Amino acid sequence: MISGRLISGRLIDRFGRVLLLRVAILSAAAGLFLVILKISLVVCMISIFLWGLGASLGFPLTISAAGDDSRYAVKRVSIVTLSGYTASLSGPPILGLLANQVGLLHAFIFVLFAICIAGIFTKAVAKPHSLQAH
């Protein structure tokens, strides 16, 4: 995740938030899927890196997009941070309950599903047309 956040600034400027978020979601989904398959230790280590790299950009890009329109920035950033912190606090116990029932690797399918659902909404981080000219 540190790697993704360190290199993302230049990549966002070059390719835009939507494309970078789509690539990040694909990276996170592919990495997690390969972890679930547990092919080998080496593949698992590479997969965890891909998963973390992909997961590193969702929250920062969403916060950035939420702050684009100064009229609603405070309200939008508040909602995004509330959602993020709620997920951070409720996700692990939910995952633990699922893992207790079906095993950890099968519980990760829930996380993979959530990542894929997030992929549907990547267009939401696009800069408004009024800000793209600046």
C-alpha atoms as a PDB file:
ATOM      1  CA  MET A   1       0.000   0.000   0.000  1.00  0.00           C
ATOM      2  CA  ILE A   2       2.877   2.360   0.723  1.00  0.00           C
ATOM      3  CA  SER A   3       4.287   1.733  -2.749  1.00  0.00           C
ATOM      4  CA  GLY A   4       0.954   2.542  -4.376  1.00  0.00           C
ATOM      5  CA  ARG A   5       0.520   5.761  -2.472  1.00  0.00           C
ATOM      6  CA  LEU A   6       4.089   6.897  -3.117  1.00  0.00           C
ATOM      7  CA  ILE A   7       3.928   6.457  -6.905  1.00  0.00           C
ATOM      8  CA  SER A   8       0.290   7.398  -7.457  1.00  0.00           C
ATOM      9  CA  GLY A   9       0.669  11.197  -7.614  1.00  0.00           C
ATOM     10  CA  ARG A  10       2.494  11.264 -10.933  1.00  0.00           C
ATOM     11  CA  LEU A  11       0.328   8.492 -12.336  1.00  0.00           C
ATOM     12  CA  ILE A  12      -2.880  10.347 -11.436  1.00  0.00           C
ATOM     13  CA  ASP A  13      -1.590  13.476 -13.167  1.00  0.00           C
ATOM     14  CA  ARG A  14      -0.688  11.487 -16.259  1.00  0.00           C
ATOM     15  CA  PHE A  15      -3.610   9.050 -16.587  1.00  0.00           C
ATOM     16  CA  GLY A  16      -6.400  10.522 -14.468  1.00  0.00           C
ATOM     17  CA  ARG A  17      -8.216   9.261 -11.415  1.00  0.00           C
ATOM     18  CA  VAL A  18     -10.780   7.046 -13.158  1.00  0.00           C
ATOM     19  CA  LEU A  19      -8.289   4.997 -15.169  1.00  0.00           C
ATOM     20  CA  LEU A  20      -5.907   4.675 -12.240  1.00  0.00           C
ATOM     21  CA  LEU A  21      -8.720   3.574  -9.921  1.00  0.00           C
ATOM     22  CA  ARG A  22      -9.861   0.981 -12.478  1.00  0.00           C
ATOM     23  CA  VAL A  23      -6.330  -0.396 -12.725  1.00  0.00           C
ATOM     24  CA  ALA A  24      -6.072  -0.384  -8.923  1.00  0.00           C
ATOM     25  CA  ILE A  25      -9.338  -2.300  -8.563  1.00  0.00           C
ATOM     26  CA  LEU A  26      -8.220  -4.837 -11.165  1.00  0.00           C
ATOM     27  CA  SER A  27      -4.920  -5.231  -9.313  1.00  0.00           C
ATOM     28  CA  ALA A  28      -6.647  -5.685  -5.949  1.00  0.00           C
ATOM     29  CA  ALA A  29      -9.195  -8.141  -7.355  1.00  0.00           C
ATOM     30  CA  ALA A  30      -6.589 -10.174  -9.256  1.00  0.00           C
ATOM     31  CA  GLY A  31      -4.277 -10.252  -6.245  1.00  0.00           C
ATOM     32  CA  LEU A  32      -7.005 -11.348  -3.855  1.00  0.00           C
ATOM     33  CA  PHE A  33      -8.331 -13.931  -6.317  1.00  0.00           C
ATOM     34  CA  LEU A  34      -4.864 -15.459  -6.608  1.00  0.00           C
ATOM     35  CA  VAL A  35      -4.525 -15.485  -2.807  1.00  0.00           C
ATOM     36  CA  ILE A  36      -7.825 -17.370  -2.563  1.00  0.00           C
ATOM     37  CA  LEU A  37      -6.599 -19.921  -5.116  1.00  0.00           C
ATOM     38  CA  LYS A  38      -3.439 -20.500  -2.989  1.00  0.00           C
ATOM     39  CA  ILE A  39      -1.402 -21.734  -5.943  1.00  0.00           C
ATOM     40  CA  SER A  40       1.996 -21.487  -4.263  1.00  0.00           C
ATOM     41  CA  LEU A  41       3.841 -19.451  -1.677  1.00  0.00           C
ATOM     42  CA  VAL A  42       5.621 -17.355  -4.327  1.00  0.00           C
ATOM     43  CA  VAL A  43       2.374 -16.632  -6.195  1.00  0.00           C
ATOM     44  CA  CYS A  44       0.704 -15.797  -2.886  1.00  0.00           C
ATOM     45  CA  MET A  45       3.439 -13.285  -1.972  1.00  0.00           C
ATOM     46  CA  ILE A  46       3.169 -11.569  -5.373  1.00  0.00           C
ATOM     47  CA  SER A  47      -0.613 -11.656  -5.078  1.00  0.00           C
ATOM     48  CA  ILE A  48      -0.566  -9.960  -1.677  1.00  0.00           C
ATOM     49  CA  PHE A  49       1.603  -7.212  -3.173  1.00  0.00           C
ATOM     50  CA  LEU A  50      -0.889  -6.751  -6.048  1.00  0.00           C
ATOM     51  CA  TRP A  51      -3.803  -6.732  -3.617  1.00  0.00           C
ATOM     52  CA  GLY A  52      -2.169  -4.104  -1.409  1.00  0.00           C
ATOM     53  CA  LEU A  53      -1.087  -2.013  -4.387  1.00  0.00           C
ATOM     54  CA  GLY A  54      -4.634  -2.002  -5.707  1.00  0.00           C
ATOM     55  CA  ALA A  55      -6.223  -1.358  -2.332  1.00  0.00           C
ATOM     56  CA  SER A  56      -3.946   1.613  -1.676  1.00  0.00           C
ATOM     57  CA  LEU A  57      -5.760   4.066  -3.930  1.00  0.00           C
ATOM     58  CA  GLY A  58      -9.479   3.617  -3.319  1.00  0.00           C
ATOM     59  CA  PHE A  59      -9.786   5.768  -0.215  1.00  0.00           C
ATOM     60  CA  PRO A  60      -7.406   8.604  -1.243  1.00  0.00           C
ATOM     61  CA  LEU A  61      -8.941   8.948  -4.716  1.00  0.00           C
ATOM     62  CA  THR A  62     -12.454   8.960  -3.277  1.00  0.00           C
ATOM     63  CA  ILE A  63     -11.517  11.632  -0.720  1.00  0.00           C
ATOM     64  CA  SER A  64      -9.950  13.696  -3.492  1.00  0.00           C
ATOM     65  CA  ALA A  65     -13.078  13.425  -5.638  1.00  0.00           C
ATOM     66  CA  ALA A  66     -15.322  14.239  -2.678  1.00  0.00           C
ATOM     67  CA  GLY A  67     -13.474  17.525  -2.179  1.00  0.00           C
ATOM     68  CA  ASP A  68     -13.688  18.695  -5.799  1.00  0.00           C
ATOM     69  CA  ASP A  69     -16.806  20.847  -5.459  1.00  0.00           C
ATOM     70  CA  SER A  70     -16.190  23.395  -2.713  1.00  0.00           C
ATOM     71  CA  ARG A  71     -19.924  23.883  -2.112  1.00  0.00           C
ATOM     72  CA  TYR A  72     -20.391  20.318  -0.914  1.00  0.00           C
ATOM     73  CA  ALA A  73     -16.827  19.298  -0.012  1.00  0.00           C
ATOM     74  CA  VAL A  74     -17.261  19.179   3.760  1.00  0.00           C
ATOM     75  CA  LYS A  75     -20.415  17.073   3.575  1.00  0.00           C
ATOM     76  CA  ARG A  76     -18.999  14.720   0.924  1.00  0.00           C
ATOM     77  CA  VAL A  77     -15.641  14.251   2.628  1.00  0.00           C
ATOM     78  CA  SER A  78     -17.478  13.574   5.901  1.00  0.00           C
ATOM     79  CA  ILE A  79     -19.591  10.878   4.242  1.00  0.00           C
ATOM     80  CA  VAL A  80     -16.585   9.259   2.564  1.00  0.00           C
ATOM     81  CA  THR A  81     -14.552   9.207   5.774  1.00  0.00           C
ATOM     82  CA  LEU A  82     -17.510   7.908   7.779  1.00  0.00           C
ATOM     83  CA  SER A  83     -17.960   5.112   5.229  1.00  0.00           C
ATOM     84  CA  GLY A  84     -14.253   4.309   5.259  1.00  0.00           C
ATOM     85  CA  TYR A  85     -13.968   4.211   9.030  1.00  0.00           C
ATOM     86  CA  THR A  86     -17.162   2.182   9.331  1.00  0.00           C
ATOM     87  CA  ALA A  87     -15.732  -0.366   6.910  1.00  0.00           C
ATOM     88  CA  SER A  88     -12.417  -0.394   8.787  1.00  0.00           C
ATOM     89  CA  LEU A  89     -14.153  -1.047  12.096  1.00  0.00           C
ATOM     90  CA  SER A  90     -16.883  -3.444  10.969  1.00  0.00           C
ATOM     91  CA  GLY A  91     -15.030  -5.303   8.209  1.00  0.00           C
ATOM     92  CA  PRO A  92     -12.610  -7.357  10.320  1.00  0.00           C
ATOM     93  CA  PRO A  93     -15.251  -8.686  12.753  1.00  0.00           C
ATOM     94  CA  ILE A  94     -17.593  -9.539   9.866  1.00  0.00           C
ATOM     95  CA  LEU A  95     -14.737 -11.256   8.035  1.00  0.00           C
ATOM     96  CA  GLY A  96     -13.869 -13.111  11.261  1.00  0.00           C
ATOM     97  CA  LEU A  97     -17.448 -14.335  11.667  1.00  0.00           C
ATOM     98  CA  LEU A  98     -17.519 -15.506   8.061  1.00  0.00           C
ATOM     99  CA  ALA A  99     -14.108 -17.158   8.435  1.00  0.00           C
ATOM    100  CA  ASN A 100     -15.372 -19.011  11.499  1.00  0.00           C
ATOM    101  CA  GLN A 101     -18.141 -20.504   9.387  1.00  0.00           C
ATOM    102  CA  VAL A 102     -16.458 -21.143   6.033  1.00  0.00           C
ATOM    103  CA  GLY A 103     -12.716 -20.662   6.551  1.00  0.00           C
ATOM    104  CA  LEU A 104     -10.597 -17.586   5.923  1.00  0.00           C
ATOM    105  CA  LEU A 105      -9.883 -18.120   2.237  1.00  0.00           C
ATOM    106  CA  HIS A 106     -13.572 -18.624   1.477  1.00  0.00           C
ATOM    107  CA  ALA A 107     -14.438 -15.564   3.604  1.00  0.00           C
ATOM    108  CA  PHE A 108     -12.165 -13.511   1.348  1.00  0.00           C
ATOM    109  CA  ILE A 109     -14.677 -14.130  -1.453  1.00  0.00           C
ATOM    110  CA  PHE A 110     -16.887 -11.582   0.329  1.00  0.00           C
ATOM    111  CA  VAL A 111     -14.049  -9.036   0.121  1.00  0.00           C
ATOM    112  CA  LEU A 112     -13.470  -9.900  -3.540  1.00  0.00           C
ATOM    113  CA  PHE A 113     -17.161  -9.320  -4.217  1.00  0.00           C
ATOM    114  CA  ALA A 114     -16.977  -5.913  -2.482  1.00  0.00           C
ATOM    115  CA  ILE A 115     -13.950  -4.936  -4.583  1.00  0.00           C
ATOM    116  CA  CYS A 116     -15.811  -5.880  -7.765  1.00  0.00           C
ATOM    117  CA  ILE A 117     -18.866  -3.861  -6.686  1.00  0.00           C
ATOM    118  CA  ALA A 118     -16.590  -0.851  -6.077  1.00  0.00           C
ATOM    119  CA  GLY A 119     -15.366  -1.218  -9.646  1.00  0.00           C
ATOM    120  CA  ILE A 120     -18.835  -0.319 -10.906  1.00  0.00           C
ATOM    121  CA  PHE A 121     -18.543   3.154  -9.360  1.00  0.00           C
ATOM    122  CA  THR A 122     -15.096   4.214 -10.604  1.00  0.00           C
ATOM    123  CA  LYS A 123     -16.547   6.929 -12.837  1.00  0.00           C
ATOM    124  CA  ALA A 124     -17.607   8.780  -9.663  1.00  0.00           C
ATOM    125  CA  VAL A 125     -14.014   9.928  -9.047  1.00  0.00           C
ATOM    126  CA  ALA A 126     -13.803  11.798 -12.371  1.00  0.00           C
ATOM    127  CA  LYS A 127     -13.025  15.490 -12.121  1.00  0.00           C
ATOM    128  CA  PRO A 128     -16.020  17.705 -12.856  1.00  0.00           C
ATOM    129  CA  HIS A 129     -15.837  19.348 -16.296  1.00  0.00           C
ATOM    130  CA  SER A 130     -15.525  22.786 -14.700  1.00  0.00           C
ATOM    131  CA  LEU A 131     -12.270  21.722 -12.988  1.00  0.00           C
ATOM    132  CA  GLN A 132     -10.679  19.856 -15.913  1.00  0.00           C
ATOM    133  CA  ALA A 133      -9.701  23.011 -17.789  1.00  0.00           C
ATOM    134  CA  HIS A 134      -7.615  24.344 -14.872  1.00  0.00           C
END
